Protein backbone atom coordinates (compact mmCIF):
# COMPACT_ATOMS: atom_id res chain seq x y z
CA MET A 1 73.36 27.50 78.77
CA SER A 2 76.14 28.91 81.61
CA LEU A 3 74.11 29.70 84.60
CA SER A 4 75.43 32.57 86.99
CA TYR A 5 76.56 32.05 90.71
CA ASN A 6 73.20 32.73 91.95
CA GLU A 7 71.40 30.71 89.76
CA ARG A 8 73.75 27.90 90.76
CA VAL A 9 73.38 28.29 93.96
CA ALA A 10 69.52 28.41 93.99
CA GLY A 11 69.81 25.22 91.72
CA GLU A 12 70.89 23.33 95.12
CA VAL A 13 68.05 24.08 96.37
CA LYS A 14 64.83 21.73 96.66
CA LEU A 15 61.72 24.45 97.68
CA LYS A 16 59.22 23.38 99.51
CA ASP A 17 55.57 23.85 98.91
CA ILE A 18 54.51 27.10 100.39
CA VAL A 19 51.62 25.76 102.13
CA ASP A 20 54.26 23.97 104.36
CA ILE A 21 56.47 27.60 104.83
CA ALA A 22 53.17 29.39 105.40
CA LYS A 23 52.10 26.72 108.32
CA GLY A 24 55.56 26.69 109.78
CA ALA A 25 54.77 30.53 110.24
CA GLY A 26 51.54 29.92 111.56
CA VAL A 27 49.87 30.82 108.80
CA SER A 28 46.76 28.50 107.76
CA SER A 29 46.20 26.83 104.35
CA LYS A 30 42.02 28.51 104.22
CA ASP A 31 43.99 32.27 104.63
CA LEU A 32 46.06 31.63 101.51
CA LYS A 33 45.40 31.98 97.86
CA LEU A 34 47.78 29.84 95.95
CA PHE A 35 50.16 31.29 92.75
CA GLY A 36 51.76 28.24 91.78
CA LYS A 37 53.14 25.61 94.78
CA TYR A 38 56.24 28.31 95.64
CA ILE A 39 54.54 31.77 95.87
CA ALA A 40 51.36 32.47 97.55
CA LYS A 41 49.25 35.28 98.90
CA VAL A 42 47.82 36.05 102.52
CA ASP A 43 45.05 36.85 103.50
CA ALA A 44 45.46 41.00 105.04
CA ASN A 45 41.99 40.05 107.16
CA LEU A 46 44.14 37.83 109.14
CA LEU A 47 45.43 40.87 110.95
CA ASP A 48 42.37 42.18 112.58
CA ASP A 49 40.94 38.77 113.15
CA LYS A 50 43.46 35.68 114.17
CA LEU A 51 45.91 37.96 115.00
CA LYS A 52 45.11 40.86 116.61
CA LYS A 53 45.67 39.78 120.08
CA ARG A 54 48.84 38.18 119.86
CA LYS A 55 51.59 40.17 121.59
CA ASP A 56 54.17 41.92 118.78
CA GLY A 57 57.57 40.25 118.54
CA GLN A 58 60.46 42.42 117.84
CA LEU A 59 60.93 44.37 114.90
CA ILE A 60 64.45 44.60 113.43
CA LEU A 61 64.97 47.57 111.01
CA VAL A 62 67.97 46.96 108.52
CA THR A 63 69.22 49.93 106.70
CA SER A 64 72.25 51.78 104.91
CA ILE A 65 75.16 53.95 104.40
CA THR A 66 74.60 55.98 101.42
CA PRO A 67 74.62 53.52 99.24
CA THR A 68 77.58 53.85 95.98
CA ARG A 69 77.03 51.35 92.74
CA MET A 70 78.83 48.87 93.95
CA GLY A 71 76.39 47.46 95.70
CA GLU A 72 76.28 47.48 99.40
CA GLY A 73 74.06 44.02 100.12
CA LYS A 74 71.66 45.52 102.34
CA THR A 75 68.75 42.60 101.19
CA VAL A 76 71.34 39.99 101.68
CA THR A 77 71.72 41.00 104.94
CA THR A 78 67.90 41.54 105.64
CA ILE A 79 67.78 38.27 104.25
CA GLY A 80 70.56 36.61 106.17
CA LEU A 81 70.17 38.05 109.44
CA SER A 82 66.39 36.56 109.54
CA MET A 83 67.95 32.89 108.78
CA ALA A 84 70.51 33.76 111.44
CA LEU A 85 67.56 34.43 113.97
CA ASN A 86 66.06 30.79 113.17
CA LYS A 87 69.07 29.20 113.51
CA LEU A 88 69.54 30.41 116.49
CA GLY A 89 65.99 29.30 117.71
CA LYS A 90 64.32 32.58 117.67
CA LYS A 91 61.25 32.18 115.23
CA SER A 92 61.79 34.85 112.35
CA ILE A 93 60.05 36.41 109.30
CA SER A 94 61.80 38.56 106.73
CA CYS A 95 60.00 41.11 105.08
CA ILE A 96 61.38 43.08 102.03
CA SER A 97 60.21 45.18 98.94
CA GLN A 98 59.23 43.91 96.22
CA PRO A 99 61.60 44.27 92.79
CA SER A 100 60.90 47.01 90.25
CA LEU A 101 61.25 45.80 86.23
CA GLY A 102 62.92 49.31 86.33
CA PRO A 103 66.07 48.14 87.67
CA THR A 104 66.10 44.22 86.76
CA PHE A 105 66.06 45.40 83.90
CA SER A 106 68.72 47.95 83.78
CA VAL A 107 71.70 49.08 86.16
CA LYS A 108 70.98 47.24 89.55
CA GLY A 109 69.87 44.18 88.57
CA VAL A 110 67.68 42.28 90.90
CA GLY A 111 66.11 42.54 94.42
CA THR A 112 65.97 39.04 95.98
CA GLY A 113 69.41 39.11 97.47
CA GLY A 114 72.27 36.83 96.37
CA GLY A 115 74.57 33.72 96.87
CA TYR A 116 73.25 31.98 100.26
CA ALA A 117 71.05 34.55 100.81
CA GLN A 118 68.58 34.70 98.37
CA VAL A 119 64.34 34.63 98.15
CA LEU A 120 63.40 32.28 95.90
CA PRO A 121 61.62 31.42 93.27
CA ALA A 122 63.91 34.43 92.21
CA GLU A 123 62.47 35.06 88.21
CA ASP A 124 59.01 34.93 89.39
CA ILE A 125 59.34 37.29 92.04
CA ASN A 126 61.63 39.50 89.97
CA LEU A 127 59.05 39.68 87.05
CA ASP A 128 56.08 41.14 89.32
CA ILE A 129 54.79 38.86 91.84
CA ALA A 130 51.30 37.52 91.63
CA GLY A 131 50.92 40.93 89.62
CA ASP A 132 51.02 43.75 92.28
CA THR A 133 52.92 45.83 90.31
CA TYR A 134 50.57 45.84 87.48
CA ALA A 135 47.52 46.63 89.87
CA VAL A 136 49.36 49.49 91.05
CA GLN A 137 49.52 50.66 87.52
CA ASN A 138 46.48 50.15 86.35
CA ALA A 139 44.81 51.96 89.52
CA GLN A 140 47.05 55.16 89.03
CA ASN A 141 46.62 55.10 85.28
CA LEU A 142 42.48 54.86 85.51
CA CYS A 143 42.66 57.56 88.05
CA ALA A 144 44.50 59.88 84.89
CA ALA A 145 41.83 58.56 82.59
CA ALA A 146 39.12 59.97 84.92
CA LEU A 147 40.77 63.15 85.32
CA ASP A 148 41.64 63.50 81.49
CA ASN A 149 37.74 62.49 80.71
CA SER A 150 36.11 64.96 83.10
CA PHE A 151 38.19 67.55 80.83
CA PHE A 152 36.85 66.23 77.76
CA TRP A 153 33.19 66.29 79.09
CA GLY A 154 33.47 69.91 80.23
CA ASN A 155 35.75 70.16 83.07
CA SER A 156 32.80 70.32 85.66
CA TYR A 157 35.31 70.32 88.56
CA LYS A 158 36.93 73.83 86.70
CA LEU A 159 40.59 72.02 87.42
CA GLN A 160 43.59 74.42 85.79
CA LYS A 161 45.76 72.33 83.60
CA GLU A 162 49.24 73.93 84.72
CA ARG A 163 48.01 72.50 88.84
CA ILE A 164 47.40 69.07 87.88
CA THR A 165 49.50 66.71 90.01
CA TRP A 166 48.63 63.35 89.03
CA ARG A 167 50.32 61.53 86.06
CA ARG A 168 50.24 58.09 84.83
CA VAL A 169 53.44 55.44 85.11
CA SER A 170 54.63 52.59 83.90
CA ASP A 171 57.27 50.06 85.58
CA VAL A 172 59.69 50.02 82.80
CA ASN A 173 62.78 53.02 82.96
CA ASP A 174 62.14 55.61 80.03
CA ARG A 175 63.67 58.87 80.07
CA ALA A 176 61.89 59.49 76.64
CA LEU A 177 58.01 59.91 78.94
CA ARG A 178 59.10 62.10 81.46
CA ASN A 179 57.46 64.92 79.93
CA MET A 180 55.32 65.07 77.46
CA THR A 181 52.51 66.46 75.67
CA ILE A 182 49.00 64.75 75.07
CA GLY A 183 45.53 65.04 73.80
CA GLY A 184 46.94 66.13 70.21
CA GLY A 185 45.06 65.63 66.89
CA GLY A 186 42.30 67.62 67.70
CA LYS A 187 38.86 67.59 70.52
CA LEU A 188 37.75 63.44 69.48
CA HIS A 189 41.41 62.50 70.92
CA GLY A 190 41.05 64.48 74.83
CA VAL A 191 42.20 67.89 75.91
CA SER A 192 45.93 68.80 74.64
CA ARG A 193 47.95 69.24 78.09
CA LYS A 194 51.73 68.69 79.53
CA THR A 195 51.90 65.64 81.82
CA GLY A 196 54.70 63.07 82.06
CA ILE A 197 55.10 59.15 83.33
CA ASP A 198 56.88 58.37 86.57
CA ILE A 199 57.87 54.87 87.25
CA THR A 200 55.17 52.85 89.35
CA ALA A 201 57.55 52.65 92.30
CA ALA A 202 57.05 56.59 92.20
CA SER A 203 53.39 56.48 91.99
CA GLU A 204 51.38 57.42 94.65
CA CYS A 205 49.02 54.32 94.58
CA MET A 206 52.09 52.30 95.62
CA ALA A 207 52.74 54.70 98.92
CA ILE A 208 48.83 53.62 99.59
CA LEU A 209 49.36 50.16 99.22
CA ALA A 210 52.72 50.03 101.54
CA LEU A 211 50.76 52.10 103.89
CA SER A 212 47.32 50.83 104.59
CA ARG A 213 46.39 49.12 107.52
CA ASN A 214 43.60 46.98 105.98
CA LEU A 215 40.76 47.27 102.96
CA LYS A 216 38.52 50.01 104.76
CA ASP A 217 41.79 52.22 105.21
CA MET A 218 42.75 51.98 101.57
CA ARG A 219 40.09 52.71 100.12
CA ALA A 220 39.68 55.85 102.40
CA ARG A 221 43.61 56.83 101.14
CA LEU A 222 42.54 56.19 97.78
CA GLY A 223 39.30 59.07 97.99
CA LYS A 224 41.81 61.28 99.62
CA ILE A 225 44.03 61.40 96.38
CA VAL A 226 44.49 64.93 95.10
CA VAL A 227 44.92 65.05 91.46
CA GLY A 228 45.33 68.79 91.45
CA TYR A 229 43.26 72.35 91.99
CA SER A 230 40.61 74.08 91.08
CA GLU A 231 40.30 78.00 89.57
CA ASP A 232 39.37 79.11 93.09
CA GLY A 233 42.56 76.85 95.07
CA LYS A 234 40.63 74.35 96.17
CA PRO A 235 42.15 70.69 95.60
CA VAL A 236 40.02 68.22 93.84
CA THR A 237 40.39 63.84 94.72
CA ALA A 238 39.87 60.97 93.12
CA GLU A 239 36.56 61.04 95.79
CA ASN A 240 35.33 64.01 93.39
CA LEU A 241 36.29 62.31 90.13
CA LYS A 242 34.33 59.21 91.53
CA CYS A 243 37.07 57.04 90.65
CA ALA A 244 38.60 56.09 94.23
CA GLY A 245 35.82 53.14 94.32
CA ALA A 246 36.97 51.69 90.82
CA MET A 247 41.19 52.01 92.16
CA ALA A 248 39.87 49.90 95.52
CA VAL A 249 38.69 47.51 93.47
CA LEU A 250 41.97 46.61 91.02
CA LEU A 251 44.18 46.87 94.69
CA LYS A 252 41.74 44.88 96.47
CA GLN A 253 44.41 41.72 95.81
CA ALA A 254 47.42 43.74 95.77
CA LEU A 255 46.65 44.44 99.29
CA ASN A 256 47.42 40.93 101.11
CA PRO A 257 50.65 40.33 101.44
CA ASN A 258 52.62 37.76 99.77
CA ILE A 259 54.52 35.28 100.95
CA VAL A 260 57.70 33.08 99.69
CA GLN A 261 61.14 31.58 101.04
CA THR A 262 64.84 32.17 101.48
CA ILE A 263 67.39 29.75 100.75
CA GLU A 264 67.03 28.18 103.68
CA HIS A 265 63.32 28.25 103.75
CA THR A 266 62.78 30.73 106.07
CA PRO A 267 59.48 32.80 105.67
CA CYS A 268 59.49 35.92 103.96
CA PHE A 269 56.61 38.35 103.30
CA ILE A 270 57.59 40.78 99.99
CA HIS A 271 54.51 43.24 99.61
CA GLY A 272 55.19 46.68 97.86
CA ASN A 273 58.17 48.41 96.62
CA PRO A 274 58.16 52.72 96.97
CA PHE A 275 61.38 53.61 96.17
CA ALA A 276 63.29 55.56 98.62
CA ASN A 277 64.68 58.24 96.58
CA VAL A 278 61.64 58.99 95.19
CA SER A 279 58.66 57.86 97.37
CA LEU A 280 58.29 55.61 100.59
CA GLY A 281 61.38 53.27 100.80
CA SER A 282 59.73 50.26 102.42
CA SER A 283 57.96 47.55 102.14
CA SER A 284 53.97 47.27 103.36
CA VAL A 285 52.37 48.17 107.12
CA ILE A 286 50.42 44.72 106.63
CA ALA A 287 53.34 42.77 106.09
CA ASP A 288 55.46 44.09 108.96
CA ARG A 289 52.46 43.62 111.22
CA MET A 290 51.61 40.65 110.26
CA ALA A 291 55.63 39.67 110.62
CA ILE A 292 55.24 40.90 113.97
CA LYS A 293 52.20 38.91 115.34
CA LEU A 294 53.67 35.46 113.72
CA ALA A 295 57.51 36.17 114.60
CA ASP A 296 59.94 36.78 117.72
CA TYR A 297 61.76 39.02 115.20
CA ALA A 298 60.53 40.59 112.46
CA VAL A 299 63.30 41.56 110.23
CA THR A 300 62.07 44.34 107.75
CA GLU A 301 64.26 46.67 105.45
CA ALA A 302 64.09 50.44 104.43
CA GLY A 303 65.28 51.55 100.73
CA PHE A 304 68.80 53.06 100.11
CA GLY A 305 70.67 54.85 103.09
CA ALA A 306 69.31 55.72 106.85
CA ASP A 307 68.77 59.36 105.67
CA LEU A 308 66.30 58.46 103.19
CA GLY A 309 64.47 54.89 103.88
CA ALA A 310 64.90 54.63 107.79
CA GLU A 311 64.18 58.66 108.21
CA LYS A 312 60.74 58.58 106.28
CA PHE A 313 60.30 54.71 108.10
CA PHE A 314 60.49 56.70 110.96
CA ASP A 315 58.80 59.44 110.35
CA ILE A 316 56.37 58.50 108.03
CA LYS A 317 55.48 54.80 108.13
CA CYS A 318 55.78 54.53 112.17
CA ARG A 319 53.94 57.28 112.57
CA GLN A 320 51.03 56.47 110.68
CA SER A 321 51.26 52.46 111.71
CA GLY A 322 52.21 52.47 114.96
CA LEU A 323 55.43 50.53 114.26
CA LYS A 324 58.33 51.03 116.61
CA PRO A 325 61.34 49.11 115.57
CA ASP A 326 63.68 47.63 118.59
CA VAL A 327 66.27 47.72 116.50
CA VAL A 328 68.38 49.32 113.64
CA VAL A 329 71.10 47.54 111.95
CA ILE A 330 73.55 49.65 109.32
CA ASN A 331 74.42 47.78 106.78
CA CYS A 332 78.20 48.72 105.44
CA SER A 333 80.81 47.37 103.16
CA VAL A 334 84.96 47.93 102.79
CA ARG A 335 84.12 48.55 99.42
CA GLY A 336 81.29 51.29 99.62
CA LEU A 337 83.66 53.00 102.44
CA LYS A 338 86.26 53.20 100.10
CA MET A 339 84.12 54.78 97.03
CA HIS A 340 83.11 57.12 99.95
CA SER A 341 86.91 58.59 100.14
CA GLY A 342 85.84 60.19 96.99
CA ASP A 343 89.53 58.93 95.32
CA PHE A 344 87.54 55.91 93.32
CA THR A 345 86.16 58.41 90.46
CA LYS A 346 87.14 55.82 87.57
CA LYS A 347 84.32 53.13 86.04
CA GLY A 348 84.74 49.92 84.47
CA SER A 349 86.80 47.11 85.07
CA SER A 350 89.50 49.32 86.43
CA LEU A 351 87.68 50.37 89.16
CA TRP A 352 87.04 46.97 90.51
CA GLU A 353 90.78 46.08 90.41
CA GLN A 354 91.44 49.94 92.55
CA LEU A 355 88.81 48.51 95.29
CA LYS A 356 90.62 44.97 95.33
CA LYS A 357 93.77 46.66 97.11
CA GLU A 358 93.94 47.54 100.58
CA ASP A 359 93.43 50.91 101.45
CA LEU A 360 93.43 51.78 105.01
CA SER A 361 93.04 55.53 104.42
CA ALA A 362 90.57 55.27 101.88
CA VAL A 363 88.64 53.03 104.23
CA ASP A 364 88.80 55.34 107.27
CA ARG A 365 88.00 58.58 105.28
CA GLY A 366 85.07 56.67 103.92
CA CYS A 367 83.95 56.24 107.54
CA SER A 368 83.03 59.73 107.67
CA ASN A 369 79.60 58.58 105.88
CA LEU A 370 78.96 55.82 108.12
CA GLU A 371 79.44 58.22 111.20
CA LYS A 372 76.90 60.71 109.35
CA GLN A 373 74.66 57.94 108.88
CA ILE A 374 74.70 56.83 112.66
CA GLU A 375 74.45 60.08 114.00
CA ASN A 376 71.01 60.14 111.57
CA LEU A 377 69.79 57.11 113.67
CA LYS A 378 70.50 58.33 117.10
CA ILE A 379 68.27 61.17 116.61
CA PHE A 380 65.24 58.39 116.85
CA GLY A 381 66.46 56.71 120.05
CA VAL A 382 66.82 53.24 118.68
CA PRO A 383 69.55 50.54 119.30
CA ILE A 384 72.15 50.57 116.42
CA VAL A 385 74.00 47.51 115.49
CA VAL A 386 76.65 48.18 112.64
CA ALA A 387 76.92 45.26 110.34
CA ILE A 388 79.88 45.18 108.24
CA ASN A 389 79.31 43.33 105.02
CA TYR A 390 81.98 41.27 103.71
CA PHE A 391 83.42 40.52 100.17
CA GLU A 392 86.72 38.63 99.49
CA THR A 393 88.59 41.08 98.84
CA ASP A 394 88.26 42.49 102.29
CA THR A 395 91.65 42.56 104.33
CA LYS A 396 91.48 42.46 108.35
CA LYS A 397 93.20 45.76 108.63
CA GLU A 398 90.53 47.22 106.85
CA LEU A 399 87.93 45.26 108.87
CA LYS A 400 89.42 46.72 111.84
CA VAL A 401 89.18 50.49 110.76
CA ILE A 402 85.39 49.94 110.40
CA ILE A 403 85.16 48.34 113.71
CA LYS A 404 87.51 50.76 115.46
CA ARG A 405 85.69 53.65 114.08
CA ALA A 406 81.87 51.88 114.56
CA GLU A 407 83.02 51.41 118.40
CA ALA A 408 84.15 55.22 118.75
CA LEU A 409 80.47 56.06 117.09
CA GLU A 410 79.22 54.15 120.71
CA ALA A 411 77.34 51.54 118.22
CA ASP A 412 75.13 49.25 120.81
CA GLY A 413 76.82 46.09 118.50
CA ILE A 414 79.43 45.36 115.47
CA ALA A 415 79.39 42.35 113.57
CA VAL A 416 81.05 41.24 110.24
CA SER A 417 78.12 39.44 108.07
CA GLU A 418 78.99 36.66 105.68
CA ALA A 419 75.62 35.84 104.25
CA TYR A 420 76.45 36.02 100.91
CA LYS A 421 78.62 33.22 100.69
CA MET A 422 77.84 31.29 103.87
CA GLY A 423 74.00 31.81 104.63
CA SER A 424 72.71 31.76 107.94
CA SER A 425 76.17 29.96 109.18
CA GLY A 426 78.26 33.43 108.51
CA THR A 427 75.31 35.48 109.51
CA MET A 428 75.27 34.32 113.37
CA GLU A 429 77.35 36.69 114.86
CA LEU A 430 75.41 39.47 113.92
CA ALA A 431 72.32 37.92 114.85
CA ARG A 432 73.74 37.15 118.55
CA ALA A 433 74.53 41.04 118.36
CA VAL A 434 71.39 42.01 117.42
CA VAL A 435 69.12 40.00 119.68
CA ALA A 436 71.61 41.35 122.67
CA ALA A 437 70.91 44.98 121.56
CA SER A 438 66.76 44.37 121.13
CA LYS A 439 67.34 43.90 124.99
CA ILE A 440 68.07 47.47 125.33
CA LYS A 441 65.17 49.44 125.97
CA PRO A 442 64.18 52.04 122.59
CA LYS A 443 63.83 55.85 123.37
CA PHE A 444 61.91 56.20 120.28
CA ARG A 445 61.53 59.77 119.07
CA TYR A 446 60.35 61.73 115.87
CA LEU A 447 62.77 63.97 114.25
CA TYR A 448 59.87 66.81 114.28
CA PRO A 449 56.22 67.21 115.24
CA VAL A 450 53.60 66.73 112.10
CA ASP A 451 51.94 70.20 112.76
CA MET A 452 55.26 72.18 112.67
CA ASN A 453 55.58 74.87 109.76
CA LEU A 454 55.79 72.32 106.26
CA LYS A 455 59.17 75.01 105.45
CA ASN A 456 60.54 74.05 108.96
CA LYS A 457 59.91 70.54 108.66
CA ILE A 458 61.69 70.32 105.23
CA GLU A 459 64.17 72.49 106.91
CA ARG A 460 64.45 70.06 109.81
CA ILE A 461 64.96 66.79 107.54
CA SER A 462 67.25 68.39 105.00
CA LYS A 463 69.94 70.51 107.82
CA SER A 464 69.67 66.95 110.13
CA MET A 465 69.28 63.95 108.29
CA TYR A 466 71.83 65.57 105.44
CA GLY A 467 73.56 67.97 106.56
CA ALA A 468 72.61 70.75 104.27
CA SER A 469 73.29 74.44 105.22
CA GLU A 470 71.18 76.41 103.63
CA ILE A 471 67.44 75.43 101.86
CA ARG A 472 66.49 76.95 99.19
CA TYR A 473 63.37 77.12 96.71
CA SER A 474 62.00 77.20 93.10
CA PRO A 475 59.27 80.12 92.39
CA ASP A 476 57.18 77.43 91.48
CA ALA A 477 57.82 74.91 94.87
CA LEU A 478 56.93 78.48 96.35
CA LYS A 479 53.50 78.32 94.60
CA ASP A 480 52.93 74.93 95.77
CA ILE A 481 53.60 75.67 99.31
CA GLU A 482 51.18 78.34 98.98
CA LEU A 483 48.78 75.77 97.52
CA ILE A 484 49.16 73.28 100.07
CA GLU A 485 48.53 75.51 102.88
CA LYS A 486 46.16 77.14 101.80
CA ALA A 487 44.16 73.72 101.37
CA LYS A 488 45.35 72.67 104.44
CA LEU A 489 46.96 70.00 103.53
CA ASP A 490 50.48 70.93 105.25
CA GLN A 491 50.11 69.36 108.63
CA LYS A 492 51.34 65.66 107.07
CA PRO A 493 54.90 64.21 107.52
CA VAL A 494 57.02 65.23 104.59
CA CYS A 495 58.41 62.59 102.55
CA MET A 496 61.63 64.16 100.68
CA ALA A 497 62.66 62.75 97.25
CA LYS A 498 66.83 63.40 96.43
CA THR A 499 69.33 61.31 95.36
CA SER A 500 70.15 58.52 96.79
CA LEU A 501 74.18 58.36 95.73
CA SER A 502 75.05 61.49 98.61
CA LEU A 503 73.89 63.21 101.61
CA SER A 504 73.63 66.09 99.24
CA SER A 505 71.71 66.78 95.91
CA ASN A 506 74.45 66.00 94.09
CA PRO A 507 75.50 62.36 93.56
CA LYS A 508 79.40 63.00 92.71
CA LYS A 509 79.79 64.38 96.43
CA LYS A 510 80.57 61.05 98.31
CA GLY A 511 81.48 60.71 102.20
CA ARG A 512 80.18 63.21 104.19
CA PRO A 513 79.77 67.30 102.29
CA ARG A 514 79.29 69.74 104.62
CA GLY A 515 78.15 73.73 103.54
CA PHE A 516 75.87 72.92 100.62
CA ALA A 517 72.62 74.18 99.89
CA LEU A 518 69.76 71.75 98.80
CA THR A 519 67.71 73.44 96.35
CA VAL A 520 63.48 72.49 96.59
CA GLU A 521 62.23 72.46 93.27
CA SER A 522 57.88 71.32 93.28
CA VAL A 523 56.00 70.48 96.16
CA GLU A 524 53.00 67.94 96.07
CA PRO A 525 50.53 66.81 97.87
CA ALA A 526 50.28 63.04 98.41
CA ALA A 527 47.21 63.59 100.76
CA GLY A 528 45.73 59.65 100.52
CA ALA A 529 49.77 58.55 101.32
CA GLY A 530 49.22 61.04 104.26
CA TYR A 531 52.47 63.13 103.69
CA VAL A 532 53.44 65.76 101.37
CA LEU A 533 56.30 64.98 98.49
CA VAL A 534 58.86 67.30 98.16
CA LYS A 535 61.06 67.19 95.30
CA ALA A 536 65.02 68.19 95.17
CA ASP A 537 66.77 69.39 92.68
CA GLY A 538 68.28 66.97 90.23
CA VAL A 539 65.85 64.09 91.28
CA ASP A 540 63.55 62.73 88.79
CA SER A 541 60.48 60.18 89.63
CA MET A 542 61.49 58.31 85.72
CA PRO A 543 64.51 56.72 85.57
CA GLY A 544 66.56 56.20 82.56
CA LEU A 545 68.43 53.18 81.15
CA SER A 546 72.26 53.16 81.27
CA LYS A 547 73.96 52.96 78.01
CA THR A 548 74.21 49.18 77.93
CA PRO A 549 71.30 48.11 80.06
CA ARG A 550 70.91 44.50 81.80
CA LEU A 551 68.20 44.09 79.40
CA ASN A 552 70.63 43.67 76.86
CA LYS A 553 71.69 40.15 77.96
CA ILE A 554 68.52 38.91 79.06
CA ASP A 555 66.92 36.19 76.55
CA ILE A 556 64.97 33.16 76.49
CA ASP A 557 66.26 29.56 76.24
CA LEU A 558 63.76 28.34 72.93
CA VAL A 559 64.67 24.49 74.06
CA THR A 560 64.07 24.69 77.56
CA GLY A 561 61.74 27.95 77.63
CA LYS A 562 63.67 29.06 80.69
CA THR A 563 65.40 32.83 80.98
CA LYS A 564 68.61 33.52 80.60
CA GLY A 565 70.68 36.66 82.38
CA LEU A 566 68.20 37.78 84.54
CA PHE A 567 70.70 37.10 87.26
């Protein structure tokens, strides 16, 4: 069985017992629940008990330019930076989102980094570490079952079928489930209605898991979940359906963050995976809070580009948790910026061959995206370091173009990172830049006040972060907003659901699009998560599989019992 590069590198590593990794991070074995020898859950109560009075370390947020299908290596940079900080003598812990089975079996692939900047054991982590995603899925679907059961037994809450917002979930990409009718076959099989199934990472239960501060907070959030509206326009909640308690029971163990190790034995928390294009976009509040109590530097990441993941990190996660980043690192690459020139539209091997050739003009024009994302980050008043994730085909002249543009944008630090090929030793320049930037006092601020009118908040995000010139609303979205305002659910942050592949809502528009209109298709309350979900045109909360998904290459070796083709 031939091994991939990632597997070969990982195979060179002798993993340490997770009890020893946790002990090195400052976590006693008494606060662990083991899942084998290399994965454990850390008791979330540790935060409010033993760690409460400890001084906070520095919080470093890693974000990115608008991603391309080339992959910019944000998780590689996050892991490499954390390892390099440790090598500098700074105690560091990384926090990353749990991989989803959807991307793992589709195009994007695994979410554990790569090369010499991986978290291990990668196979177990990518195939639902400790069963957290399964617990979220069950909690979400239990609420849906309770909702439909209330219909079957007379609909005592007078729910309107066309105003039900709660959907079931699955963690596998399956476009056939986006729109469906349930309850067919007569009254014995339930009440017929139109609905659909979302991917688990888009669910409100996943966002609640990521945002909850403790068990009490999670239980309260689950009760606030709005499943739909009654005939008189009043929101019906999970507490009304008397299912929030049972949901909390299903999520109780999942609330505890998972601890694993990097390829260099640096501790890493992996907890929660709400996607940034359709949800919150970062790992859990509990993991981040625990990391800053245990370490000098906690390196966490936000999904996709700064316009999505980082904006939500600041305006939703920080607002709700009290977290405040000390430095933000924006990850980019030569090939990613080339793609943002708009010159490279072909697919397959020919695209790779084109991107290998030196093209200073394409890099320079693609830097318009980096320019916009740095402008976005400056709004929040946090020091900015640009990390250029190095690939073998990059030339010195191309790197110099990016460095020159970043200097002109007055970034607080710029470094080339070679974490993939060299691990911590290839990320020392970046680590030093981050340490230097962390000495600059942040002037942290939010993009908007939470009590701003709902439409104004949507406009502020769309025009400031994406560069939209006009916001349009579908008739359904206008009705949604009217219901939300009537129910007084509008005084919350906004979570935009939009394509991750462009600053606009059109994934084909690269670089820095200007003068475009953004259409809002629907607006939903996510009262348990503590925000309002706004869906732009073209976004879907259940991805589909590609023509040739990665699952076609995944199999099991019947002799060794090992998985092959996963990495």
